[in-house]
Amino acid sequence: MQLAMVGLGRMGANLVRRLMRAGHTCVVYDANPDAVNALAGEGALPARDLDQLVAQLGAPRSVWVMLPHGAATEGTIAELKRRLRPGDLIIDGGNSHFHDDARRARDLAAASIDYLDIGTSGGVWGLERGYCLMIGGPAGAVQRLAPIFDALAPGAGLQPRTPARTGEPGNVERGWLHCGPAGAGHFVKMIHNGIEYGMMQAMAEGFDILRNANKPLLPAEHRYDFNLGDVAELWRRGSVVSSWLLDLAAQALAEDGDLAAYSGKVEDSGEGRWTVQAAIDEAVPASVLTAALYARFRSRQDATFADKMLSALRKQFGGHVEKRP
């Protein structure tokens, strides 16, 4: 199939590479011409602007926008609407708010242009591991792009099958799901990221307690000097808390046992806040997720080793580099 990608950052560029590996044709555009040229050298069709991007696509056209949420995404979708035709499709694969998706879908439907919101998880490792895709929008548009989603997703072989599942494996077992109408994909991704905050916080606090187990304030017979990298490596192998996040924690500690390269001032990219707001709107208690978000706020005033672990994990899975004063 043919797909255009607007935005060739960490995620967008690797999405293109994975699609091309599967034999799909990609037309690419980014405000940075070096990013365009790099992918053109790997086989993508370059575009110098949105007009040229659209001109290289055959109808019905599909354009995936992979930009930061907010003005960059809003402006690009508005510009694409002016250039596309009835029957075409726009995808927002970034981390937009689900309220924005519902509004955009209505606006584009008036021009007979389909809209999909796709929560995309996989970070900098997605090129090799595949991407977990959470999709909102009309069912017909989702089915039309099923070969694209199959190419991007990890596939059924990455994880053993859940024993209670029977019958022929479906797309959810390959790594992508049509979650519902406009906004549903980004809603599921929002909750995914909120849970991620809580899991990372629990792991970071646990390692901080281990690290401080040899404090002089403790009785001598209760002091322990743990090698955190070895503990993380041990837990990866058969423990109940084994996970990809633990794999990344082990990697970070193997590279820098004291995490000295990190200040511990942990940013949040929005989804954690939106998750807490959704919990408030629904009157659902979410004490762990809320505490994890507030811990990130506090880290920017008084960082701990746990905060350094959070920052290290963000860099490991997403390539997020700490902001410097």
Protein backbone atom coordinates (compact mmCIF):
# COMPACT_ATOMS: atom_id res chain seq x y z
CA MET A 1 0.00 0.00 0.00
CA GLN A 2 0.89 3.68 -0.19
CA LEU A 3 1.04 5.99 2.83
CA ALA A 4 2.34 9.51 3.43
CA MET A 5 4.08 10.44 6.68
CA VAL A 6 4.29 14.03 7.93
CA GLY A 7 6.76 14.33 10.80
CA LEU A 8 9.97 12.33 10.76
CA GLY A 9 11.13 12.49 14.35
CA ARG A 10 12.06 9.49 16.51
CA MET A 11 8.74 7.74 15.93
CA GLY A 12 7.70 8.95 12.48
CA ALA A 13 10.96 8.00 10.78
CA ASN A 14 10.96 4.49 12.22
CA LEU A 15 7.31 3.96 11.33
CA VAL A 16 8.30 4.70 7.72
CA ARG A 17 11.26 2.34 7.89
CA ARG A 18 9.14 -0.50 9.25
CA LEU A 19 6.51 0.02 6.55
CA MET A 20 9.12 0.04 3.79
CA ARG A 21 10.64 -3.16 5.14
CA ALA A 22 7.20 -4.74 4.66
CA GLY A 23 7.04 -3.56 1.04
CA HIS A 24 4.79 -0.52 1.44
CA THR A 25 5.47 2.75 -0.41
CA CYS A 26 5.97 5.84 1.75
CA VAL A 27 5.92 9.51 0.76
CA VAL A 28 7.60 11.62 3.45
CA TYR A 29 7.72 15.25 4.53
CA ASP A 30 9.24 17.09 7.48
CA ALA A 31 10.11 20.73 8.13
CA ASN A 32 13.71 19.54 8.46
CA PRO A 33 14.94 18.68 4.94
CA ASP A 34 17.77 16.56 6.36
CA ALA A 35 15.21 14.18 7.86
CA VAL A 36 13.47 13.91 4.48
CA ASN A 37 16.74 13.32 2.64
CA ALA A 38 17.79 10.61 5.09
CA LEU A 39 14.66 8.56 4.43
CA ALA A 40 14.80 9.27 0.70
CA GLY A 41 18.21 7.63 0.78
CA GLU A 42 16.55 4.53 2.23
CA GLY A 43 13.86 4.34 -0.44
CA ALA A 44 11.09 6.74 0.63
CA LEU A 45 9.62 9.24 -1.85
CA PRO A 46 10.59 12.74 -0.67
CA ALA A 47 8.31 15.79 -0.67
CA ARG A 48 9.49 19.39 -0.28
CA ASP A 49 6.08 20.54 0.98
CA LEU A 50 2.53 19.31 1.59
CA ASP A 51 1.47 20.09 -1.98
CA GLN A 52 4.13 17.79 -3.39
CA LEU A 53 3.34 15.17 -0.77
CA VAL A 54 -0.34 15.03 -1.73
CA ALA A 55 0.45 15.14 -5.46
CA GLN A 56 2.45 11.91 -5.19
CA LEU A 57 -0.43 9.96 -3.65
CA GLY A 58 -3.03 7.99 -5.55
CA ALA A 59 -6.67 8.15 -4.47
CA PRO A 60 -7.89 7.34 -1.92
CA ARG A 61 -5.01 9.09 -0.17
CA SER A 62 -3.84 8.28 3.37
CA VAL A 63 -1.69 10.76 5.30
CA TRP A 64 -0.28 9.95 8.74
CA VAL A 65 0.61 12.98 10.91
CA MET A 66 3.26 12.23 13.56
CA LEU A 67 3.87 15.56 15.28
CA PRO A 68 3.69 16.94 18.85
CA HIS A 69 0.13 17.50 20.03
CA GLY A 70 -1.16 21.04 19.91
CA ALA A 71 -0.47 23.74 17.33
CA ALA A 72 1.83 21.65 15.12
CA THR A 73 -0.73 18.89 14.67
CA GLU A 74 -3.73 21.22 14.43
CA GLY A 75 -2.11 23.39 11.77
CA THR A 76 -0.94 20.45 9.69
CA ILE A 77 -4.34 18.77 9.70
CA ALA A 78 -5.98 22.05 8.67
CA GLU A 79 -3.52 22.40 5.77
CA LEU A 80 -4.08 18.81 4.69
CA LYS A 81 -7.85 19.29 4.72
CA ARG A 82 -7.46 22.04 2.12
CA ARG A 83 -5.48 19.73 -0.16
CA LEU A 84 -7.26 16.39 0.20
CA ARG A 85 -10.45 15.21 -1.50
CA PRO A 86 -13.56 13.24 -0.48
CA GLY A 87 -12.68 9.66 0.36
CA ASP A 88 -9.18 10.52 1.56
CA LEU A 89 -7.95 9.83 5.09
CA ILE A 90 -5.96 11.68 7.77
CA ILE A 91 -4.35 9.88 10.71
CA ASP A 92 -3.09 11.50 13.89
CA GLY A 93 -0.61 9.04 15.37
CA GLY A 94 0.73 11.35 18.08
CA ASN A 95 -0.58 11.88 21.60
CA SER A 96 -3.48 14.25 21.04
CA HIS A 97 -6.32 14.70 23.53
CA PHE A 98 -9.38 12.61 22.67
CA HIS A 99 -11.61 15.69 22.82
CA ASP A 100 -9.61 17.14 19.92
CA ASP A 101 -10.14 13.93 17.94
CA ALA A 102 -13.92 14.12 18.22
CA ARG A 103 -13.86 17.74 17.01
CA ARG A 104 -11.51 17.02 14.11
CA ALA A 105 -13.52 14.00 13.01
CA ARG A 106 -16.68 16.11 12.79
CA ASP A 107 -14.87 18.85 10.89
CA LEU A 108 -13.29 16.47 8.37
CA ALA A 109 -16.49 14.45 7.93
CA ALA A 110 -18.12 17.62 6.58
CA ALA A 111 -15.57 17.44 3.75
CA SER A 112 -16.08 13.65 3.40
CA ILE A 113 -12.53 13.03 4.65
CA ASP A 114 -12.06 10.16 7.11
CA TYR A 115 -10.08 10.62 10.34
CA LEU A 116 -8.34 8.03 12.50
CA ASP A 117 -6.70 8.68 15.86
CA ILE A 118 -4.01 6.11 16.60
CA GLY A 119 -2.32 5.82 19.95
CA THR A 120 1.10 4.46 19.07
CA SER A 121 3.25 2.73 21.68
CA GLY A 122 6.69 1.31 21.08
CA GLY A 123 9.08 4.21 21.43
CA VAL A 124 12.54 4.07 19.94
CA TRP A 125 12.42 0.27 20.02
CA GLY A 126 9.38 -0.01 17.77
CA LEU A 127 11.35 -0.38 14.54
CA GLU A 128 12.53 -3.82 15.63
CA ARG A 129 9.86 -4.85 18.16
CA GLY A 130 6.83 -3.41 16.37
CA TYR A 131 4.25 -0.90 17.57
CA CYS A 132 1.13 -1.44 19.68
CA LEU A 133 -1.63 0.47 17.88
CA MET A 134 -4.81 1.74 19.56
CA ILE A 135 -7.16 3.01 16.84
CA GLY A 136 -10.26 5.20 16.87
CA GLY A 137 -12.44 6.12 13.91
CA PRO A 138 -14.80 4.61 11.32
CA ALA A 139 -14.57 0.85 10.85
CA GLY A 140 -14.36 1.06 7.06
CA ALA A 141 -11.27 3.25 7.17
CA VAL A 142 -9.65 0.95 9.72
CA GLN A 143 -10.21 -2.11 7.55
CA ARG A 144 -8.88 -0.34 4.47
CA LEU A 145 -5.57 0.26 6.25
CA ALA A 146 -5.38 -3.17 7.89
CA PRO A 147 -2.26 -4.13 5.85
CA ILE A 148 -0.52 -1.01 7.17
CA PHE A 149 -1.39 -1.87 10.76
CA ASP A 150 -0.30 -5.49 10.32
CA ALA A 151 3.07 -4.27 9.04
CA LEU A 152 3.58 -1.88 11.97
CA ALA A 153 2.36 -4.16 14.75
CA PRO A 154 4.61 -6.75 16.44
CA GLY A 155 2.68 -9.75 15.09
CA ALA A 156 1.34 -12.75 16.96
CA GLY A 157 4.71 -14.39 17.50
CA LEU A 158 6.16 -11.89 19.98
CA GLN A 159 4.10 -13.09 22.95
CA PRO A 160 2.75 -16.56 23.80
CA ARG A 161 -0.99 -16.82 23.36
CA THR A 162 -3.22 -16.15 26.37
CA PRO A 163 -4.48 -19.64 27.33
CA ALA A 164 -8.14 -18.60 27.59
CA ARG A 165 -8.21 -17.32 24.00
CA THR A 166 -9.49 -19.76 21.42
CA GLY A 167 -10.14 -19.76 17.67
CA GLU A 168 -8.19 -18.06 14.94
CA PRO A 169 -5.97 -15.25 16.30
CA GLY A 170 -7.34 -11.81 15.37
CA ASN A 171 -5.69 -8.47 14.86
CA VAL A 172 -5.65 -7.74 18.61
CA GLU A 173 -3.25 -10.65 19.05
CA ARG A 174 -1.11 -9.25 16.27
CA GLY A 175 -0.84 -5.94 18.13
CA TRP A 176 -3.54 -3.56 16.90
CA LEU A 177 -7.12 -2.87 17.94
CA HIS A 178 -10.01 -0.80 16.62
CA CYS A 179 -11.04 0.64 19.99
CA GLY A 180 -14.16 2.52 18.85
CA PRO A 181 -15.22 5.82 17.24
CA ALA A 182 -13.20 9.04 17.02
CA GLY A 183 -11.12 9.62 20.14
CA ALA A 184 -11.30 6.03 21.38
CA GLY A 185 -7.77 5.21 20.25
CA HIS A 186 -6.20 8.17 21.97
CA PHE A 187 -8.34 7.58 25.07
CA VAL A 188 -6.97 4.03 25.41
CA LYS A 189 -3.42 5.33 24.81
CA MET A 190 -3.96 8.04 27.42
CA ILE A 191 -4.88 5.45 30.04
CA HIS A 192 -1.97 3.27 28.88
CA ASN A 193 0.41 6.15 29.58
CA GLY A 194 -1.24 6.91 32.92
CA ILE A 195 -0.69 3.29 33.98
CA GLU A 196 2.88 3.57 32.70
CA TYR A 197 3.42 6.48 35.11
CA GLY A 198 2.27 4.32 38.02
CA MET A 199 4.36 1.29 37.04
CA MET A 200 7.48 3.40 36.56
CA GLN A 201 6.92 5.17 39.88
CA ALA A 202 6.58 1.89 41.79
CA MET A 203 9.75 0.53 40.20
CA ALA A 204 11.69 3.74 40.83
CA GLU A 205 10.65 3.91 44.49
CA GLY A 206 11.53 0.25 45.03
CA PHE A 207 15.04 0.72 43.69
CA ASP A 208 15.42 3.88 45.80
CA ILE A 209 14.58 1.87 48.95
CA LEU A 210 17.12 -0.79 47.94
CA ARG A 211 19.76 1.87 47.33
CA ASN A 212 19.25 3.39 50.79
CA ALA A 213 19.27 0.10 52.69
CA ASN A 214 22.83 0.79 53.96
CA LYS A 215 22.14 4.17 55.56
CA PRO A 216 24.02 4.83 58.84
CA LEU A 217 20.74 5.64 60.58
CA LEU A 218 19.82 1.93 60.37
CA PRO A 219 21.04 -0.64 62.91
CA ALA A 220 24.25 -2.25 61.65
CA GLU A 221 22.67 -5.70 61.44
CA HIS A 222 19.88 -4.31 59.23
CA ARG A 223 22.10 -2.60 56.68
CA TYR A 224 22.56 -4.06 53.22
CA ASP A 225 24.68 -2.92 50.30
CA PHE A 226 22.85 -4.06 47.17
CA ASN A 227 24.09 -3.99 43.60
CA LEU A 228 21.01 -2.54 41.95
CA GLY A 229 22.02 -3.68 38.49
CA ASP A 230 22.30 -7.26 39.70
CA VAL A 231 18.93 -7.09 41.46
CA ALA A 232 17.28 -5.77 38.28
CA GLU A 233 18.99 -8.48 36.24
CA LEU A 234 17.82 -11.14 38.71
CA TRP A 235 14.21 -9.95 38.67
CA ARG A 236 14.14 -10.11 34.87
CA ARG A 237 14.50 -13.87 35.11
CA GLY A 238 11.32 -15.54 36.32
CA SER A 239 10.04 -13.01 38.86
CA VAL A 240 6.44 -11.82 39.00
CA VAL A 241 7.54 -8.23 38.29
CA SER A 242 9.47 -9.12 35.13
CA SER A 243 8.50 -6.76 32.30
CA TRP A 244 9.89 -4.67 29.48
CA LEU A 245 10.17 -1.72 31.87
CA LEU A 246 12.29 -3.88 34.17
CA ASP A 247 14.43 -4.87 31.16
CA LEU A 248 15.02 -1.18 30.51
CA ALA A 249 15.78 -0.50 34.18
CA ALA A 250 18.40 -3.26 34.08
CA GLN A 251 19.88 -1.72 30.94
CA ALA A 252 20.03 1.76 32.49
CA LEU A 253 21.69 0.44 35.66
CA ALA A 254 24.18 -1.64 33.68
CA GLU A 255 25.19 1.49 31.77
CA ASP A 256 25.41 3.74 34.85
CA GLY A 257 24.86 2.15 38.25
CA ASP A 258 24.53 5.50 40.05
CA LEU A 259 22.50 7.11 37.24
CA ALA A 260 24.89 10.02 37.58
CA ALA A 261 24.04 11.29 34.09
CA TYR A 262 20.51 12.16 35.24
CA SER A 263 19.37 15.09 37.34
CA GLY A 264 16.09 13.38 38.20
CA LYS A 265 13.92 16.30 37.12
CA VAL A 266 11.21 14.28 35.41
CA GLU A 267 8.99 15.83 32.76
CA ASP A 268 5.45 14.74 31.90
CA SER A 269 4.17 14.88 28.34
CA GLY A 270 0.47 15.43 29.06
CA GLU A 271 -1.18 12.02 29.06
CA GLY A 272 -0.75 11.53 32.81
CA ARG A 273 -2.55 14.81 33.50
CA TRP A 274 -5.33 13.90 31.05
CA THR A 275 -5.73 10.49 32.69
CA VAL A 276 -6.20 12.08 36.11
CA GLN A 277 -8.70 14.55 34.65
CA ALA A 278 -10.65 11.70 33.03
CA ALA A 279 -10.76 9.95 36.41
CA ILE A 280 -12.13 13.15 37.97
CA ASP A 281 -14.73 13.52 35.21
CA GLU A 282 -15.85 9.89 35.74
CA ALA A 283 -15.65 10.09 39.57
CA VAL A 284 -13.27 7.10 39.53
CA PRO A 285 -10.62 6.96 42.28
CA ALA A 286 -7.11 6.82 40.83
CA SER A 287 -4.84 7.40 43.79
CA VAL A 288 -1.76 5.60 42.42
CA LEU A 289 -1.85 7.31 39.02
CA THR A 290 -2.45 10.71 40.62
CA ALA A 291 0.40 10.23 43.09
CA ALA A 292 2.73 9.19 40.25
CA LEU A 293 1.91 12.39 38.36
CA TYR A 294 2.42 14.55 41.45
CA ALA A 295 5.76 12.82 42.08
CA ARG A 296 6.95 14.12 38.70
CA PHE A 297 5.91 17.64 39.66
CA ARG A 298 7.82 17.32 42.95
CA SER A 299 10.92 15.96 41.19
CA ARG A 300 11.47 19.31 39.51
CA GLN A 301 11.98 20.89 42.95
CA ASP A 302 13.75 18.17 44.95
CA ALA A 303 15.01 15.19 42.92
CA THR A 304 15.75 11.76 44.46
CA PHE A 305 17.42 8.61 43.14
CA ALA A 306 13.91 7.34 42.31
CA ASP A 307 13.48 10.38 40.09
CA LYS A 308 16.77 9.62 38.35
CA MET A 309 15.43 6.11 37.67
CA LEU A 310 12.24 7.57 36.18
CA SER A 311 14.27 9.87 33.97
CA ALA A 312 16.51 6.98 32.90
CA LEU A 313 13.49 4.84 32.01
CA ARG A 314 11.98 7.64 29.92
CA LYS A 315 15.20 7.88 27.96
CA GLN A 316 15.47 4.10 27.55
CA PHE A 317 12.02 3.52 26.04
CA GLY A 318 11.22 6.85 24.43
CA GLY A 319 14.48 8.65 23.84
CA HIS A 320 13.31 11.48 26.12
CA VAL A 321 16.30 13.62 27.10
CA GLU A 322 16.12 15.69 30.28
CA LYS A 323 15.55 19.38 29.82
CA ARG A 324 18.41 21.45 31.18
CA PRO A 325 17.93 24.76 33.04
